[in-house]
Amino acid sequence: MTRPSAGSFAVTLDTAIEESGLSLDRLQHHLAARGVRLSRSALSYWRRGRSQPERETSIAAVAQLESVLSLEPGTLTSRLGPKAPRGRWLGEPACRIERRRLWPQLRAFSAELKPPPDGQLSFWSIHDRMLLDEHGGERALQVRMVAEAAVDGVDRMMAYYQADSFLTAGPVYRCVRSARVGRVCVDRETGMVAAELRLERALALGEVTIVEYEIRFPPGSPTGHYHRRFTRPVAEYVCQVSFGSRVPRRVRSFEQRGLGGPEHPGSPLSAGATHTTTLALRDVRPGIYGTGWQW
């Protein structure tokens, strides 16, 4: 099957499940209490776009799902498209990594920030530019994101950053375009930063916006890498690192499936005369992608 589109049954169900905080086992239990027998694997396949409800009993189960997930009647059933073609898969199934697995320190901020469900925005492209100071420490991060609303009424997005070590002060958000900075939470001990970006206006389903911002960091220790963590696929990712006057001996791209997993080295990168490296990727799958260097 093709990847689920923005606003599809799979995306809407996945977003609703994540927002509810229910595991698939608990969801299955609640359905069973309503007389609906649905396997955990079926729920998993539905939310990932590998299959969709087609039989009358399955569609009836979807109506009960709407109730369990506190959705308006028809929220899910109205997004059921035509029956899927039979036979071999026509493409790769959708995939994702739960936000809490890539950002475990975010849990401490959840009560205050109440981040929206992951998946409300589908990103066409993300462009990061990390600027280092003369000592090799992080000076500023410039970000440009092209995003499409996967549901109606999207009015904010979250921006996460994880420093390698203790922060001497909180980072400052500036040069924000198409949004304004809302609440910002900083854990200087762990280096975790979470910021709320309020969009200029609520987006309708399928509407596209471009958000830009810059984070200015306090002076810190020299760093040896920069990466971005993706919970969902992104069509295009560009990562630039500007080293300033101090150029590393060796620079290489890398990727990881998840935190703590093995780091897979990629291609060597050249800083060139501008002392800036560029990593450009297409059809990025969930995981961690970035640039590492040795001084």
C-alpha atoms as a PDB file:
ATOM      1  CA  MET A   1       0.000   0.000   0.000  1.00  0.00           C
ATOM      2  CA  THR A   2       1.078   3.608  -0.442  1.00  0.00           C
ATOM      3  CA  ARG A   3       1.958   5.721   2.566  1.00  0.00           C
ATOM      4  CA  PRO A   4      -1.112   7.232   4.246  1.00  0.00           C
ATOM      5  CA  SER A   5      -1.739  10.803   3.178  1.00  0.00           C
ATOM      6  CA  ALA A   6      -2.247  13.767   5.457  1.00  0.00           C
ATOM      7  CA  GLY A   7      -5.704  13.562   7.014  1.00  0.00           C
ATOM      8  CA  SER A   8      -6.142   9.894   6.044  1.00  0.00           C
ATOM      9  CA  PHE A   9      -7.777   7.306   8.267  1.00  0.00           C
ATOM     10  CA  ALA A  10      -4.364   6.015   9.388  1.00  0.00           C
ATOM     11  CA  VAL A  11      -2.996   9.453  10.293  1.00  0.00           C
ATOM     12  CA  THR A  12      -6.188  10.481  12.115  1.00  0.00           C
ATOM     13  CA  LEU A  13      -6.348   7.218  14.078  1.00  0.00           C
ATOM     14  CA  ASP A  14      -2.640   7.320  14.947  1.00  0.00           C
ATOM     15  CA  THR A  15      -2.921  10.919  16.181  1.00  0.00           C
ATOM     16  CA  ALA A  16      -6.019  10.131  18.246  1.00  0.00           C
ATOM     17  CA  ILE A  17      -4.401   7.089  19.892  1.00  0.00           C
ATOM     18  CA  GLU A  18      -1.290   9.050  20.813  1.00  0.00           C
ATOM     19  CA  GLU A  19      -3.358  11.914  22.227  1.00  0.00           C
ATOM     20  CA  SER A  20      -5.410   9.499  24.335  1.00  0.00           C
ATOM     21  CA  GLY A  21      -2.311   8.035  25.992  1.00  0.00           C
ATOM     22  CA  LEU A  22      -3.782   4.535  25.686  1.00  0.00           C
ATOM     23  CA  SER A  23      -1.635   1.579  24.701  1.00  0.00           C
ATOM     24  CA  LEU A  24      -2.990  -0.804  22.081  1.00  0.00           C
ATOM     25  CA  ASP A  25      -3.574  -3.385  24.821  1.00  0.00           C
ATOM     26  CA  ARG A  26      -5.684  -0.919  26.838  1.00  0.00           C
ATOM     27  CA  LEU A  27      -7.540   0.142  23.718  1.00  0.00           C
ATOM     28  CA  GLN A  28      -8.295  -3.501  22.944  1.00  0.00           C
ATOM     29  CA  HIS A  29      -9.542  -3.942  26.541  1.00  0.00           C
ATOM     30  CA  HIS A  30     -11.916  -0.953  26.277  1.00  0.00           C
ATOM     31  CA  LEU A  31     -13.307  -2.265  23.004  1.00  0.00           C
ATOM     32  CA  ALA A  32     -13.816  -5.732  24.491  1.00  0.00           C
ATOM     33  CA  ALA A  33     -15.826  -4.137  27.319  1.00  0.00           C
ATOM     34  CA  ARG A  34     -18.135  -2.781  24.601  1.00  0.00           C
ATOM     35  CA  GLY A  35     -18.495  -6.206  23.011  1.00  0.00           C
ATOM     36  CA  VAL A  36     -16.021  -5.552  20.194  1.00  0.00           C
ATOM     37  CA  ARG A  37     -13.341  -8.174  19.609  1.00  0.00           C
ATOM     38  CA  LEU A  38     -10.446  -6.688  17.682  1.00  0.00           C
ATOM     39  CA  SER A  39      -6.900  -8.010  17.619  1.00  0.00           C
ATOM     40  CA  ARG A  40      -3.965  -5.890  18.672  1.00  0.00           C
ATOM     41  CA  SER A  41      -2.315  -6.540  15.311  1.00  0.00           C
ATOM     42  CA  ALA A  42      -5.374  -5.188  13.463  1.00  0.00           C
ATOM     43  CA  LEU A  43      -5.215  -1.965  15.483  1.00  0.00           C
ATOM     44  CA  SER A  44      -1.503  -1.700  14.774  1.00  0.00           C
ATOM     45  CA  TYR A  45      -2.003  -2.253  11.040  1.00  0.00           C
ATOM     46  CA  TRP A  46      -4.789   0.326  10.874  1.00  0.00           C
ATOM     47  CA  ARG A  47      -2.811   3.085  12.603  1.00  0.00           C
ATOM     48  CA  ARG A  48       0.276   2.443  10.459  1.00  0.00           C
ATOM     49  CA  GLY A  49      -1.600   2.323   7.158  1.00  0.00           C
ATOM     50  CA  ARG A  50      -0.828  -1.318   6.390  1.00  0.00           C
ATOM     51  CA  SER A  51      -4.530  -2.141   6.107  1.00  0.00           C
ATOM     52  CA  GLN A  52      -7.873  -0.485   6.695  1.00  0.00           C
ATOM     53  CA  PRO A  53     -11.285  -1.618   7.971  1.00  0.00           C
ATOM     54  CA  GLU A  54     -13.452  -3.003   5.168  1.00  0.00           C
ATOM     55  CA  ARG A  55     -15.845  -5.607   6.582  1.00  0.00           C
ATOM     56  CA  GLU A  56     -19.085  -4.488   8.227  1.00  0.00           C
ATOM     57  CA  THR A  57     -17.911  -5.771  11.603  1.00  0.00           C
ATOM     58  CA  SER A  58     -14.647  -3.828  11.293  1.00  0.00           C
ATOM     59  CA  ILE A  59     -16.423  -0.614  10.324  1.00  0.00           C
ATOM     60  CA  ALA A  60     -18.734  -1.075  13.321  1.00  0.00           C
ATOM     61  CA  ALA A  61     -15.618  -1.435  15.479  1.00  0.00           C
ATOM     62  CA  VAL A  62     -14.340   1.883  14.111  1.00  0.00           C
ATOM     63  CA  ALA A  63     -17.505   3.589  15.368  1.00  0.00           C
ATOM     64  CA  GLN A  64     -16.774   2.212  18.842  1.00  0.00           C
ATOM     65  CA  LEU A  65     -13.162   3.382  18.504  1.00  0.00           C
ATOM     66  CA  GLU A  66     -14.419   6.932  17.988  1.00  0.00           C
ATOM     67  CA  SER A  67     -16.286   6.714  21.271  1.00  0.00           C
ATOM     68  CA  VAL A  68     -13.375   5.198  23.212  1.00  0.00           C
ATOM     69  CA  LEU A  69     -11.013   7.857  21.860  1.00  0.00           C
ATOM     70  CA  SER A  70     -13.506  10.674  22.625  1.00  0.00           C
ATOM     71  CA  LEU A  71     -13.827  11.622  18.963  1.00  0.00           C
ATOM     72  CA  GLU A  72     -16.837  13.155  17.265  1.00  0.00           C
ATOM     73  CA  PRO A  73     -18.947  10.527  15.467  1.00  0.00           C
ATOM     74  CA  GLY A  74     -17.719  10.141  11.902  1.00  0.00           C
ATOM     75  CA  THR A  75     -14.202  11.437  12.603  1.00  0.00           C
ATOM     76  CA  LEU A  76     -12.695   8.106  11.593  1.00  0.00           C
ATOM     77  CA  THR A  77     -15.405   6.496   9.481  1.00  0.00           C
ATOM     78  CA  SER A  78     -15.565   9.527   7.171  1.00  0.00           C
ATOM     79  CA  ARG A  79     -11.871   9.021   6.328  1.00  0.00           C
ATOM     80  CA  LEU A  80     -12.232   5.447   5.151  1.00  0.00           C
ATOM     81  CA  GLY A  81     -11.385   5.421   1.451  1.00  0.00           C
ATOM     82  CA  PRO A  82     -12.095   2.769  -1.174  1.00  0.00           C
ATOM     83  CA  LYS A  83     -11.164  -0.818  -0.510  1.00  0.00           C
ATOM     84  CA  ALA A  84      -7.466  -1.510  -0.778  1.00  0.00           C
ATOM     85  CA  PRO A  85      -6.279  -3.469  -3.837  1.00  0.00           C
ATOM     86  CA  ARG A  86      -5.602  -7.128  -3.176  1.00  0.00           C
ATOM     87  CA  GLY A  87      -2.352  -8.961  -3.728  1.00  0.00           C
ATOM     88  CA  ARG A  88       1.194  -7.738  -3.288  1.00  0.00           C
ATOM     89  CA  TRP A  89       2.097  -4.571  -1.400  1.00  0.00           C
ATOM     90  CA  LEU A  90       2.217  -1.581  -3.724  1.00  0.00           C
ATOM     91  CA  GLY A  91       4.807   0.244  -1.658  1.00  0.00           C
ATOM     92  CA  GLU A  92       6.376   0.553   1.769  1.00  0.00           C
ATOM     93  CA  PRO A  93       4.096   0.648   4.827  1.00  0.00           C
ATOM     94  CA  ALA A  94       4.040   3.807   6.898  1.00  0.00           C
ATOM     95  CA  CYS A  95       6.377   3.896   9.860  1.00  0.00           C
ATOM     96  CA  ARG A  96       6.965   6.043  12.910  1.00  0.00           C
ATOM     97  CA  ILE A  97       8.851   6.154  16.179  1.00  0.00           C
ATOM     98  CA  GLU A  98       7.000   7.215  19.296  1.00  0.00           C
ATOM     99  CA  ARG A  99       8.001  10.695  20.423  1.00  0.00           C
ATOM    100  CA  ARG A 100       8.739   9.555  23.960  1.00  0.00           C
ATOM    101  CA  ARG A 101      11.375   7.136  22.651  1.00  0.00           C
ATOM    102  CA  LEU A 102      13.348   9.859  20.888  1.00  0.00           C
ATOM    103  CA  TRP A 103      12.732  12.531  23.524  1.00  0.00           C
ATOM    104  CA  PRO A 104      12.593  10.714  26.898  1.00  0.00           C
ATOM    105  CA  GLN A 105      13.355  13.921  28.870  1.00  0.00           C
ATOM    106  CA  LEU A 106      10.232  15.525  27.409  1.00  0.00           C
ATOM    107  CA  ARG A 107       8.059  13.700  29.942  1.00  0.00           C
ATOM    108  CA  ALA A 108       9.061  16.202  32.647  1.00  0.00           C
ATOM    109  CA  PHE A 109       7.569  19.060  30.585  1.00  0.00           C
ATOM    110  CA  SER A 110       4.425  17.323  29.334  1.00  0.00           C
ATOM    111  CA  ALA A 111       2.118  18.488  32.130  1.00  0.00           C
ATOM    112  CA  GLU A 112       3.056  22.130  31.595  1.00  0.00           C
ATOM    113  CA  LEU A 113       3.311  22.213  27.802  1.00  0.00           C
ATOM    114  CA  LYS A 114       0.653  19.648  26.920  1.00  0.00           C
ATOM    115  CA  PRO A 115       2.263  19.098  23.490  1.00  0.00           C
ATOM    116  CA  PRO A 116      -0.184  18.387  20.649  1.00  0.00           C
ATOM    117  CA  PRO A 117      -0.296  14.852  19.271  1.00  0.00           C
ATOM    118  CA  ASP A 118       2.592  13.979  17.019  1.00  0.00           C
ATOM    119  CA  GLY A 119       1.422  13.799  13.409  1.00  0.00           C
ATOM    120  CA  GLN A 120      -0.800  16.882  13.260  1.00  0.00           C
ATOM    121  CA  LEU A 121       1.758  18.369  10.882  1.00  0.00           C
ATOM    122  CA  SER A 122       3.380  16.613   7.937  1.00  0.00           C
ATOM    123  CA  PHE A 123       6.760  18.103   7.050  1.00  0.00           C
ATOM    124  CA  TRP A 124       7.689  18.601   3.418  1.00  0.00           C
ATOM    125  CA  SER A 125      11.192  19.761   4.281  1.00  0.00           C
ATOM    126  CA  ILE A 126      13.377  20.762   7.230  1.00  0.00           C
ATOM    127  CA  HIS A 127      16.557  22.796   6.891  1.00  0.00           C
ATOM    128  CA  ASP A 128      18.926  23.128   9.881  1.00  0.00           C
ATOM    129  CA  ARG A 129      21.994  25.363   9.986  1.00  0.00           C
ATOM    130  CA  MET A 130      24.193  25.003  13.078  1.00  0.00           C
ATOM    131  CA  LEU A 131      26.689  27.806  13.695  1.00  0.00           C
ATOM    132  CA  LEU A 132      29.686  27.067  15.926  1.00  0.00           C
ATOM    133  CA  ASP A 133      31.795  29.638  17.761  1.00  0.00           C
ATOM    134  CA  GLU A 134      35.579  29.998  17.600  1.00  0.00           C
ATOM    135  CA  HIS A 135      35.974  27.370  20.341  1.00  0.00           C
ATOM    136  CA  GLY A 136      33.813  24.761  18.613  1.00  0.00           C
ATOM    137  CA  GLY A 137      30.790  25.280  20.855  1.00  0.00           C
ATOM    138  CA  GLU A 138      27.225  25.752  19.625  1.00  0.00           C
ATOM    139  CA  ARG A 139      26.495  29.444  18.977  1.00  0.00           C
ATOM    140  CA  ALA A 140      23.173  29.385  17.111  1.00  0.00           C
ATOM    141  CA  LEU A 141      20.781  27.043  15.305  1.00  0.00           C
ATOM    142  CA  GLN A 142      18.755  28.370  12.378  1.00  0.00           C
ATOM    143  CA  VAL A 143      15.733  26.299  11.338  1.00  0.00           C
ATOM    144  CA  ARG A 144      13.356  26.491   8.370  1.00  0.00           C
ATOM    145  CA  MET A 145      10.415  24.073   8.138  1.00  0.00           C
ATOM    146  CA  VAL A 146       7.770  23.611   5.431  1.00  0.00           C
ATOM    147  CA  ALA A 147       4.782  21.894   7.035  1.00  0.00           C
ATOM    148  CA  GLU A 148       1.307  20.773   5.961  1.00  0.00           C
ATOM    149  CA  ALA A 149      -1.643  20.411   8.326  1.00  0.00           C
ATOM    150  CA  ALA A 150      -2.715  16.776   8.601  1.00  0.00           C
ATOM    151  CA  VAL A 151      -5.880  17.703  10.504  1.00  0.00           C
ATOM    152  CA  ASP A 152      -8.110  20.776  10.776  1.00  0.00           C
ATOM    153  CA  GLY A 153      -7.333  23.526  13.266  1.00  0.00           C
ATOM    154  CA  VAL A 154      -3.577  23.108  13.782  1.00  0.00           C
ATOM    155  CA  ASP A 155      -2.484  26.247  15.646  1.00  0.00           C
ATOM    156  CA  ARG A 156       0.933  25.369  17.093  1.00  0.00           C
ATOM    157  CA  MET A 157       3.999  23.216  16.733  1.00  0.00           C
ATOM    158  CA  MET A 158       6.696  22.117  19.160  1.00  0.00           C
ATOM    159  CA  ALA A 159      10.437  22.703  18.827  1.00  0.00           C
ATOM    160  CA  TYR A 160      12.736  20.386  20.785  1.00  0.00           C
ATOM    161  CA  TYR A 161      16.457  20.630  21.382  1.00  0.00           C
ATOM    162  CA  GLN A 162      18.794  18.456  23.442  1.00  0.00           C
ATOM    163  CA  ALA A 163      22.203  19.800  24.465  1.00  0.00           C
ATOM    164  CA  ASP A 164      25.035  17.376  25.158  1.00  0.00           C
ATOM    165  CA  SER A 165      25.724  18.759  28.627  1.00  0.00           C
ATOM    166  CA  PHE A 166      24.663  21.222  31.330  1.00  0.00           C
ATOM    167  CA  LEU A 167      23.351  24.556  30.066  1.00  0.00           C
ATOM    168  CA  THR A 168      24.841  27.618  31.754  1.00  0.00           C
ATOM    169  CA  ALA A 169      21.718  29.604  30.780  1.00  0.00           C
ATOM    170  CA  GLY A 170      18.531  29.130  28.831  1.00  0.00           C
ATOM    171  CA  PRO A 171      18.702  29.436  25.019  1.00  0.00           C
ATOM    172  CA  VAL A 172      16.980  32.441  23.425  1.00  0.00           C
ATOM    173  CA  TYR A 173      14.515  32.109  20.531  1.00  0.00           C
ATOM    174  CA  ARG A 174      14.633  34.916  17.986  1.00  0.00           C
ATOM    175  CA  CYS A 175      13.953  35.764  14.315  1.00  0.00           C
ATOM    176  CA  VAL A 176      10.704  33.756  14.439  1.00  0.00           C
ATOM    177  CA  ARG A 177       8.614  33.967  11.253  1.00  0.00           C
ATOM    178  CA  SER A 178       5.015  32.806  10.643  1.00  0.00           C
ATOM    179  CA  ALA A 179       4.697  32.044  14.358  1.00  0.00           C
ATOM    180  CA  ARG A 180       5.423  33.447  17.805  1.00  0.00           C
ATOM    181  CA  VAL A 181       7.146  31.850  20.760  1.00  0.00           C
ATOM    182  CA  GLY A 182       4.784  30.577  23.438  1.00  0.00           C
ATOM    183  CA  ARG A 183       5.847  28.667  26.516  1.00  0.00           C
ATOM    184  CA  VAL A 184       9.473  27.540  26.770  1.00  0.00           C
ATOM    185  CA  CYS A 185      10.688  24.884  29.220  1.00  0.00           C
ATOM    186  CA  VAL A 186      14.380  24.390  29.962  1.00  0.00           C
ATOM    187  CA  ASP A 187      16.062  21.726  32.095  1.00  0.00           C
ATOM    188  CA  ARG A 188      19.582  23.102  32.393  1.00  0.00           C
ATOM    189  CA  GLU A 189      20.782  19.965  34.180  1.00  0.00           C
ATOM    190  CA  THR A 190      19.909  17.586  31.319  1.00  0.00           C
ATOM    191  CA  GLY A 191      20.171  20.177  28.529  1.00  0.00           C
ATOM    192  CA  MET A 192      16.584  19.551  27.362  1.00  0.00           C
ATOM    193  CA  VAL A 193      14.724  22.495  25.794  1.00  0.00           C
ATOM    194  CA  ALA A 194      11.111  22.432  24.602  1.00  0.00           C
ATOM    195  CA  ALA A 195       9.402  25.444  23.048  1.00  0.00           C
ATOM    196  CA  GLU A 196       5.891  26.067  21.844  1.00  0.00           C
ATOM    197  CA  LEU A 197       5.565  27.926  18.534  1.00  0.00           C
ATOM    198  CA  ARG A 198       2.124  29.493  18.072  1.00  0.00           C
ATOM    199  CA  LEU A 199       1.215  29.751  14.398  1.00  0.00           C
ATOM    200  CA  GLU A 200      -0.068  33.037  12.981  1.00  0.00           C
ATOM    201  CA  ARG A 201      -3.442  31.396  12.493  1.00  0.00           C
ATOM    202  CA  ALA A 202      -5.003  27.963  12.688  1.00  0.00           C
ATOM    203  CA  LEU A 203      -4.359  25.843   9.601  1.00  0.00           C
ATOM    204  CA  ALA A 204      -7.062  23.936   7.744  1.00  0.00           C
ATOM    205  CA  LEU A 205      -6.496  20.367   6.609  1.00  0.00           C
ATOM    206  CA  GLY A 206      -3.961  20.369   3.757  1.00  0.00           C
ATOM    207  CA  GLU A 207      -2.862  23.974   4.298  1.00  0.00           C
ATOM    208  CA  VAL A 208       0.890  24.618   4.134  1.00  0.00           C
ATOM    209  CA  THR A 209       3.003  27.039   6.176  1.00  0.00           C
ATOM    210  CA  ILE A 210       6.707  27.914   6.408  1.00  0.00           C
ATOM    211  CA  VAL A 211       8.070  28.506   9.900  1.00  0.00           C
ATOM    212  CA  GLU A 212      11.535  29.867  10.596  1.00  0.00           C
ATOM    213  CA  TYR A 213      13.346  30.549  13.859  1.00  0.00           C
ATOM    214  CA  GLU A 214      16.779  30.829  15.418  1.00  0.00           C
ATOM    215  CA  ILE A 215      18.022  29.609  18.803  1.00  0.00           C
ATOM    216  CA  ARG A 216      20.932  31.434  20.418  1.00  0.00           C
ATOM    217  CA  PHE A 217      22.913  29.334  22.890  1.00  0.00           C
ATOM    218  CA  PRO A 218      24.960  30.346  25.928  1.00  0.00           C
ATOM    219  CA  PRO A 219      28.728  29.656  25.711  1.00  0.00           C
ATOM    220  CA  GLY A 220      29.450  25.954  26.102  1.00  0.00           C
ATOM    221  CA  SER A 221      32.015  23.218  25.623  1.00  0.00           C
ATOM    222  CA  PRO A 222      33.194  22.162  22.139  1.00  0.00           C
ATOM    223  CA  THR A 223      30.846  19.665  20.524  1.00  0.00           C
ATOM    224  CA  GLY A 224      31.520  16.865  18.063  1.00  0.00           C
ATOM    225  CA  HIS A 225      28.167  16.430  16.339  1.00  0.00           C
ATOM    226  CA  TYR A 226      24.757  17.814  15.476  1.00  0.00           C
ATOM    227  CA  HIS A 227      21.707  15.700  14.660  1.00  0.00           C
ATOM    228  CA  ARG A 228      17.942  15.868  14.281  1.00  0.00           C
ATOM    229  CA  ARG A 229      15.488  13.267  15.562  1.00  0.00           C
ATOM    230  CA  PHE A 230      12.568  12.301  13.287  1.00  0.00           C
ATOM    231  CA  THR A 231       9.490  10.533  14.615  1.00  0.00           C
ATOM    232  CA  ARG A 232       7.915  10.383  11.145  1.00  0.00           C
ATOM    233  CA  PRO A 233       9.034  10.383   7.507  1.00  0.00           C
ATOM    234  CA  VAL A 234      10.151  13.667   5.929  1.00  0.00           C
ATOM    235  CA  ALA A 235      10.539  14.203   2.193  1.00  0.00           C
ATOM    236  CA  GLU A 236      13.680  16.345   2.462  1.00  0.00           C
ATOM    237  CA  TYR A 237      16.206  17.165   5.178  1.00  0.00           C
ATOM    238  CA  VAL A 238      19.207  19.490   4.860  1.00  0.00           C
ATOM    239  CA  CYS A 239      21.745  19.824   7.670  1.00  0.00           C
ATOM    240  CA  GLN A 240      24.474  22.453   7.413  1.00  0.00           C
ATOM    241  CA  VAL A 241      27.214  23.022   9.976  1.00  0.00           C
ATOM    242  CA  SER A 242      29.291  26.224   9.845  1.00  0.00           C
ATOM    243  CA  PHE A 243      32.543  25.752  11.755  1.00  0.00           C
ATOM    244  CA  GLY A 244      33.810  29.325  11.707  1.00  0.00           C
ATOM    245  CA  SER A 245      37.553  29.764  12.060  1.00  0.00           C
ATOM    246  CA  ARG A 246      38.159  26.349  13.654  1.00  0.00           C
ATOM    247  CA  VAL A 247      37.806  23.556  11.076  1.00  0.00           C
ATOM    248  CA  PRO A 248      37.743  19.885  12.172  1.00  0.00           C
ATOM    249  CA  ARG A 249      40.140  17.281  10.822  1.00  0.00           C
ATOM    250  CA  ARG A 250      37.404  14.917   9.701  1.00  0.00           C
ATOM    251  CA  VAL A 251      33.644  15.284   9.060  1.00  0.00           C
ATOM    252  CA  ARG A 252      31.173  12.492   8.277  1.00  0.00           C
ATOM    253  CA  SER A 253      27.408  12.026   8.204  1.00  0.00           C
ATOM    254  CA  PHE A 254      25.758   9.378  10.388  1.00  0.00           C
ATOM    255  CA  GLU A 255      22.387   7.886  11.257  1.00  0.00           C
ATOM    256  CA  GLN A 256      20.832   5.897  14.091  1.00  0.00           C
ATOM    257  CA  ARG A 257      17.561   4.026  14.309  1.00  0.00           C
ATOM    258  CA  GLY A 258      17.014   5.248  17.876  1.00  0.00           C
ATOM    259  CA  LEU A 259      18.657   6.611  20.991  1.00  0.00           C
ATOM    260  CA  GLY A 260      21.352   4.299  22.314  1.00  0.00           C
ATOM    261  CA  GLY A 261      21.365   2.284  19.116  1.00  0.00           C
ATOM    262  CA  PRO A 262      24.420   1.703  16.936  1.00  0.00           C
ATOM    263  CA  GLU A 263      25.650   4.687  14.972  1.00  0.00           C
ATOM    264  CA  HIS A 264      25.962   3.951  11.259  1.00  0.00           C
ATOM    265  CA  PRO A 265      28.590   6.152   9.590  1.00  0.00           C
ATOM    266  CA  GLY A 266      27.724   7.715   6.262  1.00  0.00           C
ATOM    267  CA  SER A 267      29.676   9.562   3.615  1.00  0.00           C
ATOM    268  CA  PRO A 268      32.605  11.894   4.348  1.00  0.00           C
ATOM    269  CA  LEU A 269      31.695  15.583   4.130  1.00  0.00           C
ATOM    270  CA  SER A 270      33.890  18.484   3.055  1.00  0.00           C
ATOM    271  CA  ALA A 271      33.923  21.868   4.793  1.00  0.00           C
ATOM    272  CA  GLY A 272      35.454  23.591   1.767  1.00  0.00           C
ATOM    273  CA  ALA A 273      36.574  27.205   1.591  1.00  0.00           C
ATOM    274  CA  THR A 274      33.454  28.418   3.438  1.00  0.00           C
ATOM    275  CA  HIS A 275      34.133  26.091   6.412  1.00  0.00           C
ATOM    276  CA  THR A 276      30.563  24.783   6.033  1.00  0.00           C
ATOM    277  CA  THR A 277      29.414  21.208   5.421  1.00  0.00           C
ATOM    278  CA  THR A 278      26.094  20.233   3.851  1.00  0.00           C
ATOM    279  CA  LEU A 279      24.205  16.983   4.357  1.00  0.00           C
ATOM    280  CA  ALA A 280      21.144  16.680   2.087  1.00  0.00           C
ATOM    281  CA  LEU A 281      18.766  13.717   2.318  1.00  0.00           C
ATOM    282  CA  ARG A 282      15.545  12.720   0.536  1.00  0.00           C
ATOM    283  CA  ASP A 283      12.742  10.461   1.758  1.00  0.00           C
ATOM    284  CA  VAL A 284      14.043  10.433   5.328  1.00  0.00           C
ATOM    285  CA  ARG A 285      12.648   7.638   7.456  1.00  0.00           C
ATOM    286  CA  PRO A 286      12.109   7.946  11.220  1.00  0.00           C
ATOM    287  CA  GLY A 287      15.341   7.903  13.205  1.00  0.00           C
ATOM    288  CA  ILE A 288      18.318  10.146  13.922  1.00  0.00           C
ATOM    289  CA  TYR A 289      20.346  11.838  11.173  1.00  0.00           C
ATOM    290  CA  GLY A 290      23.220  14.258  11.475  1.00  0.00           C
ATOM    291  CA  THR A 291      26.818  15.273  11.070  1.00  0.00           C
ATOM    292  CA  GLY A 292      29.756  14.279  13.280  1.00  0.00           C
ATOM    293  CA  TRP A 293      33.313  15.589  13.292  1.00  0.00           C
ATOM    294  CA  GLN A 294      36.707  15.235  14.975  1.00  0.00           C
ATOM    295  CA  TRP A 295      38.823  18.217  15.952  1.00  0.00           C
END
